[in-house]
Amino acid sequence: MREKLQAVVLGTVRHSDRVNIVNLYTDTRGRLAVMSTPPGQSKAGRMRAAALMPLSIISTEINFRQTSELQRLGTVTPVRANSGICGNPAKSAVALFLCEFLTRLLRESAPDAELWRFLTLSIAELDRTPSPAHFYLPFLAGLTRFTGIEPDVTDYTPGSCFDMRQGCYVPFHPAHNDVLTPTPASVLRSGRVVETPGAAYAPRLLMRLRYDTAARLKLPLAARRELLDGLLRYYAIHLPGADRLNSLDVLRSL
């Protein structure tokens, strides 16, 4: 049965000299791995290779055969040209990181219209943003609501801890170490001790971030790394393996 669909390209893996495996997240089939012939060096081959770059959005037709474990990718047509990503080394590094993360996260995902919309809008935003330095923070924070682990940040009060296992604020330190605590307090001239939000406030900050506000956020490199590590730790607590990424060192250097 032939079926037309749109897909986000998550990556291509060489299977043999004659076959590549292309990982996709599609609008109607969810996560899908398909076979594809290596594109070669012809003009048509180079165009196909460009269309299958990480985070490309493509339109294709696949002939689904019940007797085949892996389907074959048909003709590929770009839905939009991600020229802003392909021509920018920093954006390309972010794209590789997001593809590796999504490949691990969406192992056997069913179609999800809201997730599809989130991914396509996010890719368009990465393509046009002047600087991708903070892009991955609102992306990873926003993605939590599609994986069932969105943290509840409504009950934050000064002095509370964030329980990463429960995904919510608690007024006391839980009996485990997967917790974010307030920063040690500052002392005012009067001698009174005043608590600062510190690490415990990070989930509340991240869940409020949007792409436009993140672009204006002036965070030093060390703070960005700390927030990224905290997000990946939170994912790994609920979805093991989400933090073991080969592209992470490249992203941290941006």
C-alpha atoms as a PDB file:
ATOM      1  CA  MET A   1       0.000   0.000   0.000  1.00  0.00           C
ATOM      2  CA  ARG A   2       1.485   3.314  -1.099  1.00  0.00           C
ATOM      3  CA  GLU A   3       1.242   6.142   1.386  1.00  0.00           C
ATOM      4  CA  LYS A   4       2.314   9.762   1.157  1.00  0.00           C
ATOM      5  CA  LEU A   5       3.700  11.305   4.308  1.00  0.00           C
ATOM      6  CA  GLN A   6       5.889  14.071   5.649  1.00  0.00           C
ATOM      7  CA  ALA A   7       8.859  13.410   7.885  1.00  0.00           C
ATOM      8  CA  VAL A   8      11.594  15.017   9.953  1.00  0.00           C
ATOM      9  CA  VAL A   9      14.943  13.388   9.180  1.00  0.00           C
ATOM     10  CA  LEU A  10      16.622  12.251  12.407  1.00  0.00           C
ATOM     11  CA  GLY A  11      19.712  10.761  10.802  1.00  0.00           C
ATOM     12  CA  THR A  12      21.169   8.279   8.341  1.00  0.00           C
ATOM     13  CA  VAL A  13      23.251   5.205   9.232  1.00  0.00           C
ATOM     14  CA  ARG A  14      25.306   3.177   6.765  1.00  0.00           C
ATOM     15  CA  HIS A  15      24.009  -0.420   6.898  1.00  0.00           C
ATOM     16  CA  SER A  16      26.025  -1.810   3.998  1.00  0.00           C
ATOM     17  CA  ASP A  17      27.613  -0.665   0.748  1.00  0.00           C
ATOM     18  CA  ARG A  18      24.199  -0.819  -0.902  1.00  0.00           C
ATOM     19  CA  VAL A  19      21.820   0.186   1.869  1.00  0.00           C
ATOM     20  CA  ASN A  20      21.490   3.083   4.309  1.00  0.00           C
ATOM     21  CA  ILE A  21      19.007   3.186   7.178  1.00  0.00           C
ATOM     22  CA  VAL A  22      17.233   6.546   7.446  1.00  0.00           C
ATOM     23  CA  ASN A  23      15.522   7.347  10.755  1.00  0.00           C
ATOM     24  CA  LEU A  24      12.432   9.523  10.457  1.00  0.00           C
ATOM     25  CA  TYR A  25       9.703  10.987  12.606  1.00  0.00           C
ATOM     26  CA  THR A  26       6.610  11.188  10.419  1.00  0.00           C
ATOM     27  CA  ASP A  27       3.313  13.027  10.653  1.00  0.00           C
ATOM     28  CA  THR A  28       1.078   9.937  10.289  1.00  0.00           C
ATOM     29  CA  ARG A  29       3.282   6.967  11.249  1.00  0.00           C
ATOM     30  CA  GLY A  30       5.368   8.343  14.103  1.00  0.00           C
ATOM     31  CA  ARG A  31       8.926   6.998  14.374  1.00  0.00           C
ATOM     32  CA  LEU A  32       9.971   5.063  11.287  1.00  0.00           C
ATOM     33  CA  ALA A  33      13.214   3.496  10.041  1.00  0.00           C
ATOM     34  CA  VAL A  34      13.435   2.934   6.285  1.00  0.00           C
ATOM     35  CA  MET A  35      15.957   1.628   3.769  1.00  0.00           C
ATOM     36  CA  SER A  36      17.509   3.935   1.219  1.00  0.00           C
ATOM     37  CA  THR A  37      20.102   3.464  -1.508  1.00  0.00           C
ATOM     38  CA  PRO A  38      23.267   5.541  -0.878  1.00  0.00           C
ATOM     39  CA  PRO A  39      22.817   8.692  -2.957  1.00  0.00           C
ATOM     40  CA  GLY A  40      26.073   8.629  -4.928  1.00  0.00           C
ATOM     41  CA  GLN A  41      27.841  11.579  -6.580  1.00  0.00           C
ATOM     42  CA  SER A  42      25.461  12.391  -9.433  1.00  0.00           C
ATOM     43  CA  LYS A  43      23.496  15.645  -9.387  1.00  0.00           C
ATOM     44  CA  ALA A  44      20.353  13.771  -8.366  1.00  0.00           C
ATOM     45  CA  GLY A  45      22.342  11.929  -5.683  1.00  0.00           C
ATOM     46  CA  ARG A  46      23.724  15.145  -4.229  1.00  0.00           C
ATOM     47  CA  MET A  47      20.238  16.665  -4.157  1.00  0.00           C
ATOM     48  CA  ARG A  48      18.889  13.574  -2.358  1.00  0.00           C
ATOM     49  CA  ALA A  49      21.762  13.696   0.155  1.00  0.00           C
ATOM     50  CA  ALA A  50      21.037  17.378   0.842  1.00  0.00           C
ATOM     51  CA  ALA A  51      17.333  16.594   1.348  1.00  0.00           C
ATOM     52  CA  LEU A  52      18.241  13.955   3.966  1.00  0.00           C
ATOM     53  CA  MET A  53      20.405  16.213   6.132  1.00  0.00           C
ATOM     54  CA  PRO A  54      19.612  16.141   9.893  1.00  0.00           C
ATOM     55  CA  LEU A  55      16.379  17.997  10.781  1.00  0.00           C
ATOM     56  CA  SER A  56      15.324  18.277   7.133  1.00  0.00           C
ATOM     57  CA  ILE A  57      11.567  18.121   6.615  1.00  0.00           C
ATOM     58  CA  ILE A  58      10.695  16.015   3.588  1.00  0.00           C
ATOM     59  CA  SER A  59       7.711  14.710   1.685  1.00  0.00           C
ATOM     60  CA  THR A  60       7.940  11.137   0.456  1.00  0.00           C
ATOM     61  CA  GLU A  61       5.890   8.172  -0.721  1.00  0.00           C
ATOM     62  CA  ILE A  62       6.499   4.742   0.762  1.00  0.00           C
ATOM     63  CA  ASN A  63       5.112   1.460  -0.489  1.00  0.00           C
ATOM     64  CA  PHE A  64       4.333  -0.330   2.788  1.00  0.00           C
ATOM     65  CA  ARG A  65       4.660  -4.109   2.449  1.00  0.00           C
ATOM     66  CA  GLN A  66       3.462  -6.321   5.286  1.00  0.00           C
ATOM     67  CA  THR A  67       6.064  -8.944   4.398  1.00  0.00           C
ATOM     68  CA  SER A  68       8.978  -6.516   4.824  1.00  0.00           C
ATOM     69  CA  GLU A  69      10.457  -5.666   8.220  1.00  0.00           C
ATOM     70  CA  LEU A  70      12.014  -2.495   6.783  1.00  0.00           C
ATOM     71  CA  GLN A  71      10.243  -0.366   4.192  1.00  0.00           C
ATOM     72  CA  ARG A  72      12.061   1.405   1.360  1.00  0.00           C
ATOM     73  CA  LEU A  73      12.191   5.171   1.136  1.00  0.00           C
ATOM     74  CA  GLY A  74      10.737   6.470  -2.109  1.00  0.00           C
ATOM     75  CA  THR A  75      11.196   9.781  -3.886  1.00  0.00           C
ATOM     76  CA  VAL A  76      12.222  12.574  -1.514  1.00  0.00           C
ATOM     77  CA  THR A  77      11.045  16.178  -1.884  1.00  0.00           C
ATOM     78  CA  PRO A  78      12.131  18.897   0.555  1.00  0.00           C
ATOM     79  CA  VAL A  79       9.159  20.602   2.246  1.00  0.00           C
ATOM     80  CA  ARG A  80      11.298  23.574   3.264  1.00  0.00           C
ATOM     81  CA  ALA A  81      14.945  24.455   2.686  1.00  0.00           C
ATOM     82  CA  ASN A  82      16.889  24.688   5.956  1.00  0.00           C
ATOM     83  CA  SER A  83      19.541  26.898   4.386  1.00  0.00           C
ATOM     84  CA  GLY A  84      20.043  28.794   7.653  1.00  0.00           C
ATOM     85  CA  ILE A  85      20.993  25.553   9.425  1.00  0.00           C
ATOM     86  CA  CYS A  86      23.137  23.975   6.696  1.00  0.00           C
ATOM     87  CA  GLY A  87      25.202  27.108   6.189  1.00  0.00           C
ATOM     88  CA  ASN A  88      25.912  27.749   9.864  1.00  0.00           C
ATOM     89  CA  PRO A  89      28.340  25.452  11.772  1.00  0.00           C
ATOM     90  CA  ALA A  90      26.855  26.345  15.188  1.00  0.00           C
ATOM     91  CA  LYS A  91      23.293  25.624  14.035  1.00  0.00           C
ATOM     92  CA  SER A  92      24.449  22.399  12.365  1.00  0.00           C
ATOM     93  CA  ALA A  93      25.972  21.274  15.681  1.00  0.00           C
ATOM     94  CA  VAL A  94      22.688  22.021  17.479  1.00  0.00           C
ATOM     95  CA  ALA A  95      20.801  20.105  14.762  1.00  0.00           C
ATOM     96  CA  LEU A  96      23.040  17.049  15.197  1.00  0.00           C
ATOM     97  CA  PHE A  97      22.535  17.140  18.966  1.00  0.00           C
ATOM     98  CA  LEU A  98      18.748  17.429  18.660  1.00  0.00           C
ATOM     99  CA  CYS A  99      18.634  14.591  16.116  1.00  0.00           C
ATOM    100  CA  GLU A 100      20.661  12.279  18.346  1.00  0.00           C
ATOM    101  CA  PHE A 101      18.521  13.183  21.347  1.00  0.00           C
ATOM    102  CA  LEU A 102      15.251  12.636  19.443  1.00  0.00           C
ATOM    103  CA  THR A 103      16.535   9.341  18.022  1.00  0.00           C
ATOM    104  CA  ARG A 104      17.091   8.041  21.561  1.00  0.00           C
ATOM    105  CA  LEU A 105      13.902   9.565  22.929  1.00  0.00           C
ATOM    106  CA  LEU A 106      11.435   8.573  20.193  1.00  0.00           C
ATOM    107  CA  ARG A 107      12.440   4.931  19.847  1.00  0.00           C
ATOM    108  CA  GLU A 108       8.957   3.529  19.230  1.00  0.00           C
ATOM    109  CA  SER A 109       6.757   6.599  19.146  1.00  0.00           C
ATOM    110  CA  ALA A 110       3.264   6.641  17.707  1.00  0.00           C
ATOM    111  CA  PRO A 111       2.107   9.615  15.620  1.00  0.00           C
ATOM    112  CA  ASP A 112       1.347  12.720  17.661  1.00  0.00           C
ATOM    113  CA  ALA A 113      -0.039  15.772  15.888  1.00  0.00           C
ATOM    114  CA  GLU A 114       1.003  18.182  18.649  1.00  0.00           C
ATOM    115  CA  LEU A 115       4.552  16.771  18.772  1.00  0.00           C
ATOM    116  CA  TRP A 116       4.760  17.015  14.976  1.00  0.00           C
ATOM    117  CA  ARG A 117       3.712  20.666  15.147  1.00  0.00           C
ATOM    118  CA  PHE A 118       6.229  21.366  17.930  1.00  0.00           C
ATOM    119  CA  LEU A 119       9.087  19.803  15.940  1.00  0.00           C
ATOM    120  CA  THR A 120       8.324  21.540  12.650  1.00  0.00           C
ATOM    121  CA  LEU A 121       7.871  24.952  14.289  1.00  0.00           C
ATOM    122  CA  SER A 122      11.069  24.462  16.301  1.00  0.00           C
ATOM    123  CA  ILE A 123      13.069  23.544  13.194  1.00  0.00           C
ATOM    124  CA  ALA A 124      11.790  26.648  11.409  1.00  0.00           C
ATOM    125  CA  GLU A 125      12.790  28.740  14.435  1.00  0.00           C
ATOM    126  CA  LEU A 126      16.309  27.256  14.528  1.00  0.00           C
ATOM    127  CA  ASP A 127      16.678  27.933  10.804  1.00  0.00           C
ATOM    128  CA  ARG A 128      15.861  31.627  11.110  1.00  0.00           C
ATOM    129  CA  THR A 129      17.261  32.544  14.540  1.00  0.00           C
ATOM    130  CA  PRO A 130      20.376  34.769  14.366  1.00  0.00           C
ATOM    131  CA  SER A 131      22.114  32.854  17.175  1.00  0.00           C
ATOM    132  CA  PRO A 132      21.432  29.284  18.400  1.00  0.00           C
ATOM    133  CA  ALA A 133      23.349  29.677  21.681  1.00  0.00           C
ATOM    134  CA  HIS A 134      20.298  29.165  23.926  1.00  0.00           C
ATOM    135  CA  PHE A 135      18.011  27.363  21.467  1.00  0.00           C
ATOM    136  CA  TYR A 136      18.296  23.891  22.976  1.00  0.00           C
ATOM    137  CA  LEU A 137      17.095  25.096  26.405  1.00  0.00           C
ATOM    138  CA  PRO A 138      13.468  25.958  25.467  1.00  0.00           C
ATOM    139  CA  PHE A 139      13.460  23.020  23.030  1.00  0.00           C
ATOM    140  CA  LEU A 140      14.340  20.424  25.674  1.00  0.00           C
ATOM    141  CA  ALA A 141      12.089  22.088  28.253  1.00  0.00           C
ATOM    142  CA  GLY A 142       9.140  22.243  25.840  1.00  0.00           C
ATOM    143  CA  LEU A 143       9.639  18.653  24.717  1.00  0.00           C
ATOM    144  CA  THR A 144       8.929  17.357  28.246  1.00  0.00           C
ATOM    145  CA  ARG A 145       5.182  17.815  27.795  1.00  0.00           C
ATOM    146  CA  PHE A 146       5.136  15.352  24.867  1.00  0.00           C
ATOM    147  CA  THR A 147       6.988  12.634  26.786  1.00  0.00           C
ATOM    148  CA  GLY A 148       4.802  12.581  29.890  1.00  0.00           C
ATOM    149  CA  ILE A 149       7.433  14.097  32.192  1.00  0.00           C
ATOM    150  CA  GLU A 150       6.515  17.791  32.128  1.00  0.00           C
ATOM    151  CA  PRO A 151       7.446  19.174  35.567  1.00  0.00           C
ATOM    152  CA  ASP A 152       4.848  20.868  37.731  1.00  0.00           C
ATOM    153  CA  VAL A 153       6.343  24.243  38.632  1.00  0.00           C
ATOM    154  CA  THR A 154       3.182  25.874  39.971  1.00  0.00           C
ATOM    155  CA  ASP A 155       3.924  25.207  43.644  1.00  0.00           C
ATOM    156  CA  TYR A 156       7.281  26.953  43.832  1.00  0.00           C
ATOM    157  CA  THR A 157       7.894  28.966  46.992  1.00  0.00           C
ATOM    158  CA  PRO A 158      11.189  30.453  48.205  1.00  0.00           C
ATOM    159  CA  GLY A 159      13.093  27.787  50.089  1.00  0.00           C
ATOM    160  CA  SER A 160      11.456  24.823  48.370  1.00  0.00           C
ATOM    161  CA  CYS A 161      13.373  22.007  46.700  1.00  0.00           C
ATOM    162  CA  PHE A 162      12.673  20.537  43.284  1.00  0.00           C
ATOM    163  CA  ASP A 163      12.224  16.762  43.438  1.00  0.00           C
ATOM    164  CA  MET A 164      13.465  15.538  40.049  1.00  0.00           C
ATOM    165  CA  ARG A 165      11.938  12.085  40.491  1.00  0.00           C
ATOM    166  CA  GLN A 166       8.468  13.448  41.196  1.00  0.00           C
ATOM    167  CA  GLY A 167       8.837  16.413  38.858  1.00  0.00           C
ATOM    168  CA  CYS A 168       7.488  18.940  41.353  1.00  0.00           C
ATOM    169  CA  TYR A 169       8.462  21.291  44.188  1.00  0.00           C
ATOM    170  CA  VAL A 170       8.451  20.020  47.756  1.00  0.00           C
ATOM    171  CA  PRO A 171       8.956  21.957  51.012  1.00  0.00           C
ATOM    172  CA  PHE A 172      11.588  19.528  52.311  1.00  0.00           C
ATOM    173  CA  HIS A 173      14.607  17.598  51.057  1.00  0.00           C
ATOM    174  CA  PRO A 174      13.431  14.143  49.850  1.00  0.00           C
ATOM    175  CA  ALA A 175      15.176  10.942  50.907  1.00  0.00           C
ATOM    176  CA  HIS A 176      17.268  10.744  47.720  1.00  0.00           C
ATOM    177  CA  ASN A 177      19.809  12.884  45.881  1.00  0.00           C
ATOM    178  CA  ASP A 178      17.850  13.575  42.682  1.00  0.00           C
ATOM    179  CA  VAL A 179      16.912  16.990  43.962  1.00  0.00           C
ATOM    180  CA  LEU A 180      17.684  20.656  43.293  1.00  0.00           C
ATOM    181  CA  THR A 181      18.130  22.728  46.441  1.00  0.00           C
ATOM    182  CA  PRO A 182      18.204  26.492  47.020  1.00  0.00           C
ATOM    183  CA  THR A 183      21.542  28.235  46.822  1.00  0.00           C
ATOM    184  CA  PRO A 184      23.202  29.056  50.177  1.00  0.00           C
ATOM    185  CA  ALA A 185      21.827  32.341  51.404  1.00  0.00           C
ATOM    186  CA  SER A 186      23.256  35.842  51.169  1.00  0.00           C
ATOM    187  CA  VAL A 187      23.716  38.070  54.227  1.00  0.00           C
ATOM    188  CA  LEU A 188      22.343  41.620  54.214  1.00  0.00           C
ATOM    189  CA  ARG A 189      23.821  44.535  56.150  1.00  0.00           C
ATOM    190  CA  SER A 190      21.244  44.124  58.883  1.00  0.00           C
ATOM    191  CA  GLY A 191      22.558  40.637  59.549  1.00  0.00           C
ATOM    192  CA  ARG A 192      19.390  38.950  58.306  1.00  0.00           C
ATOM    193  CA  VAL A 193      19.923  35.976  56.008  1.00  0.00           C
ATOM    194  CA  VAL A 194      18.022  36.075  52.699  1.00  0.00           C
ATOM    195  CA  GLU A 195      17.672  33.024  50.513  1.00  0.00           C
ATOM    196  CA  THR A 196      18.341  33.181  46.760  1.00  0.00           C
ATOM    197  CA  PRO A 197      16.517  30.860  44.315  1.00  0.00           C
ATOM    198  CA  GLY A 198      19.621  29.183  42.898  1.00  0.00           C
ATOM    199  CA  ALA A 199      19.435  25.737  41.303  1.00  0.00           C
ATOM    200  CA  ALA A 200      15.980  25.007  42.696  1.00  0.00           C
ATOM    201  CA  TYR A 201      14.533  27.835  40.603  1.00  0.00           C
ATOM    202  CA  ALA A 202      15.954  26.463  37.325  1.00  0.00           C
ATOM    203  CA  PRO A 203      12.925  24.286  36.374  1.00  0.00           C
ATOM    204  CA  ARG A 204      10.585  27.254  36.857  1.00  0.00           C
ATOM    205  CA  LEU A 205      12.829  29.425  34.687  1.00  0.00           C
ATOM    206  CA  LEU A 206      13.153  26.800  31.956  1.00  0.00           C
ATOM    207  CA  MET A 207       9.433  26.076  31.702  1.00  0.00           C
ATOM    208  CA  ARG A 208       8.811  29.798  31.178  1.00  0.00           C
ATOM    209  CA  LEU A 209      11.374  30.119  28.401  1.00  0.00           C
ATOM    210  CA  ARG A 210      10.251  30.594  24.809  1.00  0.00           C
ATOM    211  CA  TYR A 211      12.440  30.840  21.742  1.00  0.00           C
ATOM    212  CA  ASP A 212      12.093  34.619  21.553  1.00  0.00           C
ATOM    213  CA  THR A 213      12.817  35.183  25.248  1.00  0.00           C
ATOM    214  CA  ALA A 214      15.676  32.666  25.278  1.00  0.00           C
ATOM    215  CA  ALA A 215      17.378  34.553  22.439  1.00  0.00           C
ATOM    216  CA  ARG A 216      17.428  37.674  24.617  1.00  0.00           C
ATOM    217  CA  LEU A 217      18.643  35.828  27.718  1.00  0.00           C
ATOM    218  CA  LYS A 218      22.203  36.797  28.615  1.00  0.00           C
ATOM    219  CA  LEU A 219      23.633  33.668  30.208  1.00  0.00           C
ATOM    220  CA  PRO A 220      27.354  32.940  30.541  1.00  0.00           C
ATOM    221  CA  LEU A 221      28.624  29.696  29.063  1.00  0.00           C
ATOM    222  CA  ALA A 222      28.954  28.029  32.477  1.00  0.00           C
ATOM    223  CA  ALA A 223      25.292  28.761  33.293  1.00  0.00           C
ATOM    224  CA  ARG A 224      24.127  27.379  29.935  1.00  0.00           C
ATOM    225  CA  ARG A 225      26.106  24.201  30.509  1.00  0.00           C
ATOM    226  CA  GLU A 226      24.664  23.827  34.011  1.00  0.00           C
ATOM    227  CA  LEU A 227      21.095  24.213  32.741  1.00  0.00           C
ATOM    228  CA  LEU A 228      21.733  21.772  29.887  1.00  0.00           C
ATOM    229  CA  ASP A 229      23.236  19.177  32.233  1.00  0.00           C
ATOM    230  CA  GLY A 230      20.284  19.602  34.593  1.00  0.00           C
ATOM    231  CA  LEU A 231      17.769  19.073  31.787  1.00  0.00           C
ATOM    232  CA  LEU A 232      19.553  15.965  30.538  1.00  0.00           C
ATOM    233  CA  ARG A 233      19.787  14.611  34.080  1.00  0.00           C
ATOM    234  CA  TYR A 234      16.031  15.134  34.488  1.00  0.00           C
ATOM    235  CA  TYR A 235      15.333  13.282  31.236  1.00  0.00           C
ATOM    236  CA  ALA A 236      17.692  10.451  32.195  1.00  0.00           C
ATOM    237  CA  ILE A 237      15.937   9.943  35.540  1.00  0.00           C
ATOM    238  CA  HIS A 238      12.655   9.292  33.738  1.00  0.00           C
ATOM    239  CA  LEU A 239      13.927   7.993  30.377  1.00  0.00           C
ATOM    240  CA  PRO A 240      17.222   6.108  30.912  1.00  0.00           C
ATOM    241  CA  GLY A 241      19.889   6.685  28.285  1.00  0.00           C
ATOM    242  CA  ALA A 242      18.735  10.153  27.287  1.00  0.00           C
ATOM    243  CA  ASP A 243      21.955  11.713  28.575  1.00  0.00           C
ATOM    244  CA  ARG A 244      24.471   9.388  26.855  1.00  0.00           C
ATOM    245  CA  LEU A 245      24.953  11.427  23.703  1.00  0.00           C
ATOM    246  CA  ASN A 246      27.994  11.487  21.425  1.00  0.00           C
ATOM    247  CA  SER A 247      27.234  15.032  20.240  1.00  0.00           C
ATOM    248  CA  LEU A 248      27.032  16.509  23.742  1.00  0.00           C
ATOM    249  CA  ASP A 249      30.674  17.611  23.946  1.00  0.00           C
ATOM    250  CA  VAL A 250      30.336  19.537  20.681  1.00  0.00           C
ATOM    251  CA  LEU A 251      27.205  21.276  21.911  1.00  0.00           C
ATOM    252  CA  ARG A 252      28.827  22.216  25.232  1.00  0.00           C
ATOM    253  CA  SER A 253      31.599  23.994  23.358  1.00  0.00           C
ATOM    254  CA  LEU A 254      29.192  26.373  21.591  1.00  0.00           C
END
